[in-house]
PDB file of all heavy atoms in Angstrom:
ATOM      1  N   LEU A   1       7.807 -31.953  -7.811  1.00  0.00           N
ATOM      2  CA  LEU A   1       8.942 -31.800  -6.921  1.00  0.00           C
ATOM      3  C   LEU A   1       8.580 -32.017  -5.447  1.00  0.00           C
ATOM      4  O   LEU A   1       9.341 -31.760  -4.560  1.00  0.00           O
ATOM      5  CB  LEU A   1       9.558 -30.394  -7.090  1.00  0.00           C
ATOM      6  CG  LEU A   1      10.097 -30.105  -8.496  1.00  0.00           C
ATOM      7  CD1 LEU A   1      10.584 -28.675  -8.575  1.00  0.00           C
ATOM      8  CD2 LEU A   1      11.198 -31.099  -8.865  1.00  0.00           C
ATOM      9  N   GLU A   2       7.368 -32.485  -5.208  1.00  0.00           N
ATOM     10  CA  GLU A   2       6.820 -32.782  -3.876  1.00  0.00           C
ATOM     11  C   GLU A   2       6.972 -31.588  -2.939  1.00  0.00           C
ATOM     12  O   GLU A   2       6.470 -30.539  -3.242  1.00  0.00           O
ATOM     13  CB  GLU A   2       7.504 -34.053  -3.326  1.00  0.00           C
ATOM     14  CG  GLU A   2       7.174 -35.281  -4.152  1.00  0.00           C
ATOM     15  CD  GLU A   2       7.753 -36.539  -3.593  1.00  0.00           C
ATOM     16  OE1 GLU A   2       8.140 -36.563  -2.388  1.00  0.00           O
ATOM     17  OE2 GLU A   2       7.834 -37.523  -4.318  1.00  0.00           O
ATOM     18  N   ASP A   3       7.614 -31.736  -1.806  1.00  0.00           N
ATOM     19  CA  ASP A   3       7.683 -30.669  -0.790  1.00  0.00           C
ATOM     20  C   ASP A   3       8.457 -29.441  -1.283  1.00  0.00           C
ATOM     21  O   ASP A   3       8.301 -28.370  -0.753  1.00  0.00           O
ATOM     22  CB  ASP A   3       8.306 -31.174   0.484  1.00  0.00           C
ATOM     23  CG  ASP A   3       7.374 -32.134   1.217  1.00  0.00           C
ATOM     24  OD1 ASP A   3       6.165 -32.069   1.009  1.00  0.00           O
ATOM     25  OD2 ASP A   3       7.906 -32.953   2.005  1.00  0.00           O
ATOM     26  N   ASN A   4       9.331 -29.635  -2.260  1.00  0.00           N
ATOM     27  CA  ASN A   4      10.163 -28.553  -2.736  1.00  0.00           C
ATOM     28  C   ASN A   4       9.475 -27.779  -3.816  1.00  0.00           C
ATOM     29  O   ASN A   4       9.936 -27.651  -4.957  1.00  0.00           O
ATOM     30  CB  ASN A   4      11.537 -29.092  -3.172  1.00  0.00           C
ATOM     31  CG  ASN A   4      12.229 -29.743  -2.029  1.00  0.00           C
ATOM     32  OD1 ASN A   4      12.312 -29.180  -0.938  1.00  0.00           O
ATOM     33  ND2 ASN A   4      12.747 -30.939  -2.236  1.00  0.00           N
ATOM     34  N   GLU A   5       8.301 -27.228  -3.522  1.00  0.00           N
ATOM     35  CA  GLU A   5       7.542 -26.451  -4.453  1.00  0.00           C
ATOM     36  C   GLU A   5       8.338 -25.207  -4.905  1.00  0.00           C
ATOM     37  O   GLU A   5       9.004 -24.581  -4.113  1.00  0.00           O
ATOM     38  CB  GLU A   5       6.236 -25.997  -3.793  1.00  0.00           C
ATOM     39  CG  GLU A   5       5.405 -25.085  -4.630  1.00  0.00           C
ATOM     40  CD  GLU A   5       4.169 -24.614  -3.908  1.00  0.00           C
ATOM     41  OE1 GLU A   5       3.959 -24.981  -2.750  1.00  0.00           O
ATOM     42  OE2 GLU A   5       3.449 -23.832  -4.517  1.00  0.00           O
ATOM     43  N   ILE A   6       8.259 -24.912  -6.166  1.00  0.00           N
ATOM     44  CA  ILE A   6       8.895 -23.732  -6.692  1.00  0.00           C
ATOM     45  C   ILE A   6       7.967 -22.572  -6.394  1.00  0.00           C
ATOM     46  O   ILE A   6       6.822 -22.530  -6.839  1.00  0.00           O
ATOM     47  CB  ILE A   6       9.159 -23.852  -8.222  1.00  0.00           C
ATOM     48  CG1 ILE A   6      10.188 -24.927  -8.436  1.00  0.00           C
ATOM     49  CG2 ILE A   6       9.587 -22.502  -8.781  1.00  0.00           C
ATOM     50  CD1 ILE A   6      10.409 -25.267  -9.902  1.00  0.00           C
ATOM     51  N   ILE A   7       8.449 -21.634  -5.570  1.00  0.00           N
ATOM     52  CA  ILE A   7       7.659 -20.469  -5.205  1.00  0.00           C
ATOM     53  C   ILE A   7       8.148 -19.288  -6.022  1.00  0.00           C
ATOM     54  O   ILE A   7       9.295 -18.865  -5.851  1.00  0.00           O
ATOM     55  CB  ILE A   7       7.734 -20.259  -3.686  1.00  0.00           C
ATOM     56  CG1 ILE A   7       7.169 -21.490  -2.995  1.00  0.00           C
ATOM     57  CG2 ILE A   7       6.958 -19.004  -3.307  1.00  0.00           C
ATOM     58  CD1 ILE A   7       7.205 -21.462  -1.514  1.00  0.00           C
ATOM     59  N   ASN A   8       7.267 -18.844  -6.883  1.00  0.00           N
ATOM     60  CA  ASN A   8       7.634 -17.890  -7.920  1.00  0.00           C
ATOM     61  C   ASN A   8       6.523 -16.841  -8.037  1.00  0.00           C
ATOM     62  O   ASN A   8       5.526 -17.085  -8.670  1.00  0.00           O
ATOM     63  CB  ASN A   8       7.806 -18.687  -9.227  1.00  0.00           C
ATOM     64  CG  ASN A   8       8.126 -17.836 -10.420  1.00  0.00           C
ATOM     65  OD1 ASN A   8       7.791 -16.673 -10.492  1.00  0.00           O
ATOM     66  ND2 ASN A   8       8.785 -18.439 -11.371  1.00  0.00           N
ATOM     67  N   PRO A   9       6.690 -15.679  -7.377  1.00  0.00           N
ATOM     68  CA  PRO A   9       5.642 -14.644  -7.525  1.00  0.00           C
ATOM     69  C   PRO A   9       5.479 -14.256  -9.011  1.00  0.00           C
ATOM     70  O   PRO A   9       6.457 -13.966  -9.695  1.00  0.00           O
ATOM     71  CB  PRO A   9       6.192 -13.465  -6.705  1.00  0.00           C
ATOM     72  CG  PRO A   9       7.163 -14.071  -5.761  1.00  0.00           C
ATOM     73  CD  PRO A   9       7.740 -15.236  -6.494  1.00  0.00           C
ATOM     74  N   ARG A  10       4.257 -14.312  -9.467  1.00  0.00           N
ATOM     75  CA  ARG A  10       4.010 -14.045 -10.892  1.00  0.00           C
ATOM     76  C   ARG A  10       4.333 -12.575 -11.183  1.00  0.00           C
ATOM     77  O   ARG A  10       3.923 -11.679 -10.432  1.00  0.00           O
ATOM     78  CB  ARG A  10       2.563 -14.353 -11.223  1.00  0.00           C
ATOM     79  CG  ARG A  10       2.282 -15.862 -11.159  1.00  0.00           C
ATOM     80  CD  ARG A  10       0.816 -16.157 -11.135  1.00  0.00           C
ATOM     81  NE  ARG A  10       0.257 -15.765  -9.844  1.00  0.00           N
ATOM     82  CZ  ARG A  10      -0.995 -16.060  -9.480  1.00  0.00           C
ATOM     83  NH1 ARG A  10      -1.796 -16.690 -10.298  1.00  0.00           N
ATOM     84  NH2 ARG A  10      -1.439 -15.721  -8.308  1.00  0.00           N
ATOM     85  N   GLY A  11       5.102 -12.359 -12.241  1.00  0.00           N
ATOM     86  CA  GLY A  11       5.449 -11.005 -12.652  1.00  0.00           C
ATOM     87  C   GLY A  11       6.715 -10.489 -12.012  1.00  0.00           C
ATOM     88  O   GLY A  11       7.039  -9.298 -12.097  1.00  0.00           O
ATOM     89  N   TRP A  12       7.466 -11.352 -11.335  1.00  0.00           N
ATOM     90  CA  TRP A  12       8.685 -10.933 -10.654  1.00  0.00           C
ATOM     91  C   TRP A  12       9.825 -11.827 -11.114  1.00  0.00           C
ATOM     92  O   TRP A  12       9.677 -13.056 -11.163  1.00  0.00           O
ATOM     93  CB  TRP A  12       8.516 -11.028  -9.154  1.00  0.00           C
ATOM     94  CG  TRP A  12       9.735 -10.664  -8.358  1.00  0.00           C
ATOM     95  CD1 TRP A  12      10.208  -9.418  -8.095  1.00  0.00           C
ATOM     96  CD2 TRP A  12      10.626 -11.553  -7.666  1.00  0.00           C
ATOM     97  NE1 TRP A  12      11.352  -9.495  -7.318  1.00  0.00           N
ATOM     98  CE2 TRP A  12      11.612 -10.791  -7.037  1.00  0.00           C
ATOM     99  CE3 TRP A  12      10.682 -12.942  -7.575  1.00  0.00           C
ATOM    100  CZ2 TRP A  12      12.633 -11.364  -6.294  1.00  0.00           C
ATOM    101  CZ3 TRP A  12      11.707 -13.503  -6.822  1.00  0.00           C
ATOM    102  CH2 TRP A  12      12.668 -12.711  -6.199  1.00  0.00           C
ATOM    103  N   ASP A  13      10.928 -11.254 -11.468  1.00  0.00           N
ATOM    104  CA  ASP A  13      12.117 -12.014 -11.862  1.00  0.00           C
ATOM    105  C   ASP A  13      13.207 -11.758 -10.825  1.00  0.00           C
ATOM    106  O   ASP A  13      13.576 -10.617 -10.595  1.00  0.00           O
ATOM    107  CB  ASP A  13      12.616 -11.603 -13.244  1.00  0.00           C
ATOM    108  CG  ASP A  13      11.693 -12.018 -14.348  1.00  0.00           C
ATOM    109  OD1 ASP A  13      11.135 -13.120 -14.253  1.00  0.00           O
ATOM    110  OD2 ASP A  13      11.503 -11.259 -15.302  1.00  0.00           O
ATOM    111  N   GLY A  14      13.691 -12.797 -10.252  1.00  0.00           N
ATOM    112  CA  GLY A  14      14.738 -12.660  -9.254  1.00  0.00           C
ATOM    113  C   GLY A  14      14.862 -13.869  -8.406  1.00  0.00           C
ATOM    114  O   GLY A  14      14.157 -14.886  -8.609  1.00  0.00           O
ATOM    115  N   THR A  15      15.734 -13.804  -7.430  1.00  0.00           N
ATOM    116  CA  THR A  15      15.943 -14.900  -6.484  1.00  0.00           C
ATOM    117  C   THR A  15      16.197 -14.326  -5.103  1.00  0.00           C
ATOM    118  O   THR A  15      16.951 -13.359  -4.972  1.00  0.00           O
ATOM    119  CB  THR A  15      17.167 -15.786  -6.910  1.00  0.00           C
ATOM    120  OG1 THR A  15      16.940 -16.232  -8.230  1.00  0.00           O
ATOM    121  CG2 THR A  15      17.340 -16.959  -5.983  1.00  0.00           C
ATOM    122  N   ARG A  16      15.555 -14.895  -4.115  1.00  0.00           N
ATOM    123  CA  ARG A  16      15.834 -14.541  -2.719  1.00  0.00           C
ATOM    124  C   ARG A  16      15.873 -15.839  -1.932  1.00  0.00           C
ATOM    125  O   ARG A  16      15.010 -16.685  -2.068  1.00  0.00           O
ATOM    126  CB  ARG A  16      14.712 -13.671  -2.149  1.00  0.00           C
ATOM    127  CG  ARG A  16      14.792 -12.246  -2.610  1.00  0.00           C
ATOM    128  CD  ARG A  16      13.923 -11.381  -1.748  1.00  0.00           C
ATOM    129  NE  ARG A  16      13.829 -10.099  -2.357  1.00  0.00           N
ATOM    130  CZ  ARG A  16      12.966  -9.181  -2.004  1.00  0.00           C
ATOM    131  NH1 ARG A  16      12.101  -9.405  -1.015  1.00  0.00           N
ATOM    132  NH2 ARG A  16      12.940  -8.028  -2.616  1.00  0.00           N
ATOM    133  N   TYR A  17      16.894 -15.947  -1.065  1.00  0.00           N
ATOM    134  CA  TYR A  17      17.039 -17.120  -0.204  1.00  0.00           C
ATOM    135  C   TYR A  17      16.837 -16.681   1.245  1.00  0.00           C
ATOM    136  O   TYR A  17      17.031 -15.526   1.575  1.00  0.00           O
ATOM    137  CB  TYR A  17      18.409 -17.746  -0.373  1.00  0.00           C
ATOM    138  CG  TYR A  17      18.654 -18.347  -1.738  1.00  0.00           C
ATOM    139  CD1 TYR A  17      19.354 -17.624  -2.709  1.00  0.00           C
ATOM    140  CD2 TYR A  17      18.177 -19.594  -2.036  1.00  0.00           C
ATOM    141  CE1 TYR A  17      19.574 -18.165  -3.957  1.00  0.00           C
ATOM    142  CE2 TYR A  17      18.396 -20.163  -3.274  1.00  0.00           C
ATOM    143  CZ  TYR A  17      19.095 -19.423  -4.245  1.00  0.00           C
ATOM    144  OH  TYR A  17      19.301 -19.965  -5.467  1.00  0.00           O
ATOM    145  N   GLY A  18      16.515 -17.619   2.090  1.00  0.00           N
ATOM    146  CA  GLY A  18      16.435 -17.301   3.503  1.00  0.00           C
ATOM    147  C   GLY A  18      16.037 -18.508   4.305  1.00  0.00           C
ATOM    148  O   GLY A  18      15.914 -19.626   3.788  1.00  0.00           O
ATOM    149  N   ASN A  19      15.865 -18.305   5.611  1.00  0.00           N
ATOM    150  CA  ASN A  19      15.345 -19.396   6.466  1.00  0.00           C
ATOM    151  C   ASN A  19      13.896 -19.126   6.871  1.00  0.00           C
ATOM    152  O   ASN A  19      13.329 -19.871   7.684  1.00  0.00           O
ATOM    153  CB  ASN A  19      16.252 -19.658   7.670  1.00  0.00           C
ATOM    154  CG  ASN A  19      16.501 -18.427   8.492  1.00  0.00           C
ATOM    155  OD1 ASN A  19      15.744 -17.461   8.454  1.00  0.00           O
ATOM    156  ND2 ASN A  19      17.577 -18.458   9.278  1.00  0.00           N
ATOM    157  N   ARG A  20      13.304 -18.062   6.323  1.00  0.00           N
ATOM    158  CA  ARG A  20      11.916 -17.761   6.460  1.00  0.00           C
ATOM    159  C   ARG A  20      11.352 -17.407   5.084  1.00  0.00           C
ATOM    160  O   ARG A  20      12.019 -16.703   4.321  1.00  0.00           O
ATOM    161  CB  ARG A  20      11.668 -16.559   7.392  1.00  0.00           C
ATOM    162  CG  ARG A  20      12.286 -16.717   8.798  1.00  0.00           C
ATOM    163  CD  ARG A  20      11.571 -17.799   9.582  1.00  0.00           C
ATOM    164  NE  ARG A  20      11.984 -17.835  10.954  1.00  0.00           N
ATOM    165  CZ  ARG A  20      12.877 -18.664  11.472  1.00  0.00           C
ATOM    166  NH1 ARG A  20      13.498 -19.530  10.671  1.00  0.00           N
ATOM    167  NH2 ARG A  20      13.187 -18.657  12.726  1.00  0.00           N
ATOM    168  N   LEU A  21      10.150 -17.853   4.796  1.00  0.00           N
ATOM    169  CA  LEU A  21       9.522 -17.587   3.505  1.00  0.00           C
ATOM    170  C   LEU A  21       8.002 -17.488   3.675  1.00  0.00           C
ATOM    171  O   LEU A  21       7.448 -18.336   4.390  1.00  0.00           O
ATOM    172  CB  LEU A  21       9.850 -18.685   2.491  1.00  0.00           C
ATOM    173  CG  LEU A  21       9.386 -18.480   1.064  1.00  0.00           C
ATOM    174  CD1 LEU A  21      10.389 -19.064   0.093  1.00  0.00           C
ATOM    175  CD2 LEU A  21       8.022 -19.077   0.817  1.00  0.00           C
ATOM    176  N   VAL A  22       7.428 -16.485   3.081  1.00  0.00           N
ATOM    177  CA  VAL A  22       5.961 -16.313   3.110  1.00  0.00           C
ATOM    178  C   VAL A  22       5.470 -15.977   1.691  1.00  0.00           C
ATOM    179  O   VAL A  22       6.100 -15.145   1.023  1.00  0.00           O
ATOM    180  CB  VAL A  22       5.545 -15.189   4.100  1.00  0.00           C
ATOM    181  CG1 VAL A  22       4.048 -14.946   4.051  1.00  0.00           C
ATOM    182  CG2 VAL A  22       5.991 -15.543   5.531  1.00  0.00           C
ATOM    183  N   LEU A  23       4.382 -16.622   1.317  1.00  0.00           N
ATOM    184  CA  LEU A  23       3.725 -16.337   0.038  1.00  0.00           C
ATOM    185  C   LEU A  23       2.238 -16.204   0.287  1.00  0.00           C
ATOM    186  O   LEU A  23       1.643 -17.043   0.959  1.00  0.00           O
ATOM    187  CB  LEU A  23       3.948 -17.487  -0.965  1.00  0.00           C
ATOM    188  CG  LEU A  23       3.066 -17.413  -2.230  1.00  0.00           C
ATOM    189  CD1 LEU A  23       3.493 -16.274  -3.153  1.00  0.00           C
ATOM    190  CD2 LEU A  23       3.091 -18.721  -2.968  1.00  0.00           C
ATOM    191  N   ASN A  24       1.647 -15.126  -0.231  1.00  0.00           N
ATOM    192  CA  ASN A  24       0.197 -14.965  -0.210  1.00  0.00           C
ATOM    193  C   ASN A  24      -0.250 -14.735  -1.651  1.00  0.00           C
ATOM    194  O   ASN A  24       0.335 -13.920  -2.359  1.00  0.00           O
ATOM    195  CB  ASN A  24      -0.224 -13.805   0.656  1.00  0.00           C
ATOM    196  CG  ASN A  24      -1.718 -13.544   0.556  1.00  0.00           C
ATOM    197  OD1 ASN A  24      -2.145 -12.591  -0.116  1.00  0.00           O
ATOM    198  ND2 ASN A  24      -2.507 -14.376   1.190  1.00  0.00           N
ATOM    199  N   THR A  25      -1.255 -15.472  -2.053  1.00  0.00           N
ATOM    200  CA  THR A  25      -1.879 -15.310  -3.375  1.00  0.00           C
ATOM    201  C   THR A  25      -3.321 -14.956  -3.192  1.00  0.00           C
ATOM    202  O   THR A  25      -4.001 -15.561  -2.348  1.00  0.00           O
ATOM    203  CB  THR A  25      -1.748 -16.643  -4.179  1.00  0.00           C
ATOM    204  OG1 THR A  25      -0.370 -16.889  -4.450  1.00  0.00           O
ATOM    205  CG2 THR A  25      -2.489 -16.574  -5.481  1.00  0.00           C
ATOM    206  N   LEU A  26      -3.781 -14.022  -3.966  1.00  0.00           N
ATOM    207  CA  LEU A  26      -5.197 -13.621  -3.953  1.00  0.00           C
ATOM    208  C   LEU A  26      -5.632 -13.545  -5.403  1.00  0.00           C
ATOM    209  O   LEU A  26      -4.987 -12.916  -6.234  1.00  0.00           O
ATOM    210  CB  LEU A  26      -5.364 -12.262  -3.282  1.00  0.00           C
ATOM    211  CG  LEU A  26      -6.803 -11.770  -3.091  1.00  0.00           C
ATOM    212  CD1 LEU A  26      -7.589 -12.708  -2.195  1.00  0.00           C
ATOM    213  CD2 LEU A  26      -6.825 -10.354  -2.549  1.00  0.00           C
ATOM    214  N   GLU A  27      -6.754 -14.242  -5.730  1.00  0.00           N
ATOM    215  CA  GLU A  27      -7.269 -14.300  -7.091  1.00  0.00           C
ATOM    216  C   GLU A  27      -8.795 -14.167  -7.078  1.00  0.00           C
ATOM    217  O   GLU A  27      -9.426 -14.705  -6.192  1.00  0.00           O
ATOM    218  CB  GLU A  27      -6.901 -15.607  -7.780  1.00  0.00           C
ATOM    219  CG  GLU A  27      -5.421 -15.874  -7.826  1.00  0.00           C
ATOM    220  CD  GLU A  27      -5.084 -17.222  -8.480  1.00  0.00           C
ATOM    221  OE1 GLU A  27      -6.012 -17.970  -8.918  1.00  0.00           O
ATOM    222  OE2 GLU A  27      -3.908 -17.555  -8.534  1.00  0.00           O
ATOM    223  N   TYR A  28      -9.308 -13.515  -8.072  1.00  0.00           N
ATOM    224  CA  TYR A  28     -10.750 -13.550  -8.310  1.00  0.00           C
ATOM    225  C   TYR A  28     -10.936 -14.213  -9.659  1.00  0.00           C
ATOM    226  O   TYR A  28     -10.506 -13.672 -10.681  1.00  0.00           O
ATOM    227  CB  TYR A  28     -11.377 -12.151  -8.302  1.00  0.00           C
ATOM    228  CG  TYR A  28     -12.871 -12.227  -8.486  1.00  0.00           C
ATOM    229  CD1 TYR A  28     -13.685 -12.733  -7.480  1.00  0.00           C
ATOM    230  CD2 TYR A  28     -13.467 -11.860  -9.678  1.00  0.00           C
ATOM    231  CE1 TYR A  28     -15.058 -12.865  -7.647  1.00  0.00           C
ATOM    232  CE2 TYR A  28     -14.846 -11.950  -9.861  1.00  0.00           C
ATOM    233  CZ  TYR A  28     -15.626 -12.452  -8.829  1.00  0.00           C
ATOM    234  OH  TYR A  28     -16.969 -12.557  -9.013  1.00  0.00           O
ATOM    235  N   ARG A  29     -11.570 -15.403  -9.687  1.00  0.00           N
ATOM    236  CA  ARG A  29     -11.633 -16.230 -10.877  1.00  0.00           C
ATOM    237  C   ARG A  29     -13.082 -16.338 -11.369  1.00  0.00           C
ATOM    238  O   ARG A  29     -14.023 -16.444 -10.592  1.00  0.00           O
ATOM    239  CB  ARG A  29     -11.189 -17.651 -10.578  1.00  0.00           C
ATOM    240  CG  ARG A  29      -9.804 -17.761 -10.027  1.00  0.00           C
ATOM    241  CD  ARG A  29      -9.545 -19.202  -9.675  1.00  0.00           C
ATOM    242  NE  ARG A  29      -8.253 -19.382  -9.113  1.00  0.00           N
ATOM    243  CZ  ARG A  29      -7.899 -20.410  -8.407  1.00  0.00           C
ATOM    244  NH1 ARG A  29      -8.737 -21.409  -8.196  1.00  0.00           N
ATOM    245  NH2 ARG A  29      -6.690 -20.519  -7.935  1.00  0.00           N
ATOM    246  N   ILE A  30     -13.239 -16.323 -12.695  1.00  0.00           N
ATOM    247  CA  ILE A  30     -14.504 -16.578 -13.357  1.00  0.00           C
ATOM    248  C   ILE A  30     -14.238 -17.600 -14.422  1.00  0.00           C
ATOM    249  O   ILE A  30     -13.278 -17.467 -15.186  1.00  0.00           O
ATOM    250  CB  ILE A  30     -15.096 -15.289 -13.967  1.00  0.00           C
ATOM    251  CG1 ILE A  30     -15.375 -14.261 -12.869  1.00  0.00           C
ATOM    252  CG2 ILE A  30     -16.366 -15.575 -14.747  1.00  0.00           C
ATOM    253  CD1 ILE A  30     -15.790 -12.914 -13.384  1.00  0.00           C
TER     254      ILE A  30
END
């Protein structure tokens, strides 16, 4: 979808719209 990335916090069901959006992901991978 190019610039229109689907931003979907894992483990959350819902929808929020706005003119500001922030996403932070933190993972520890092995």
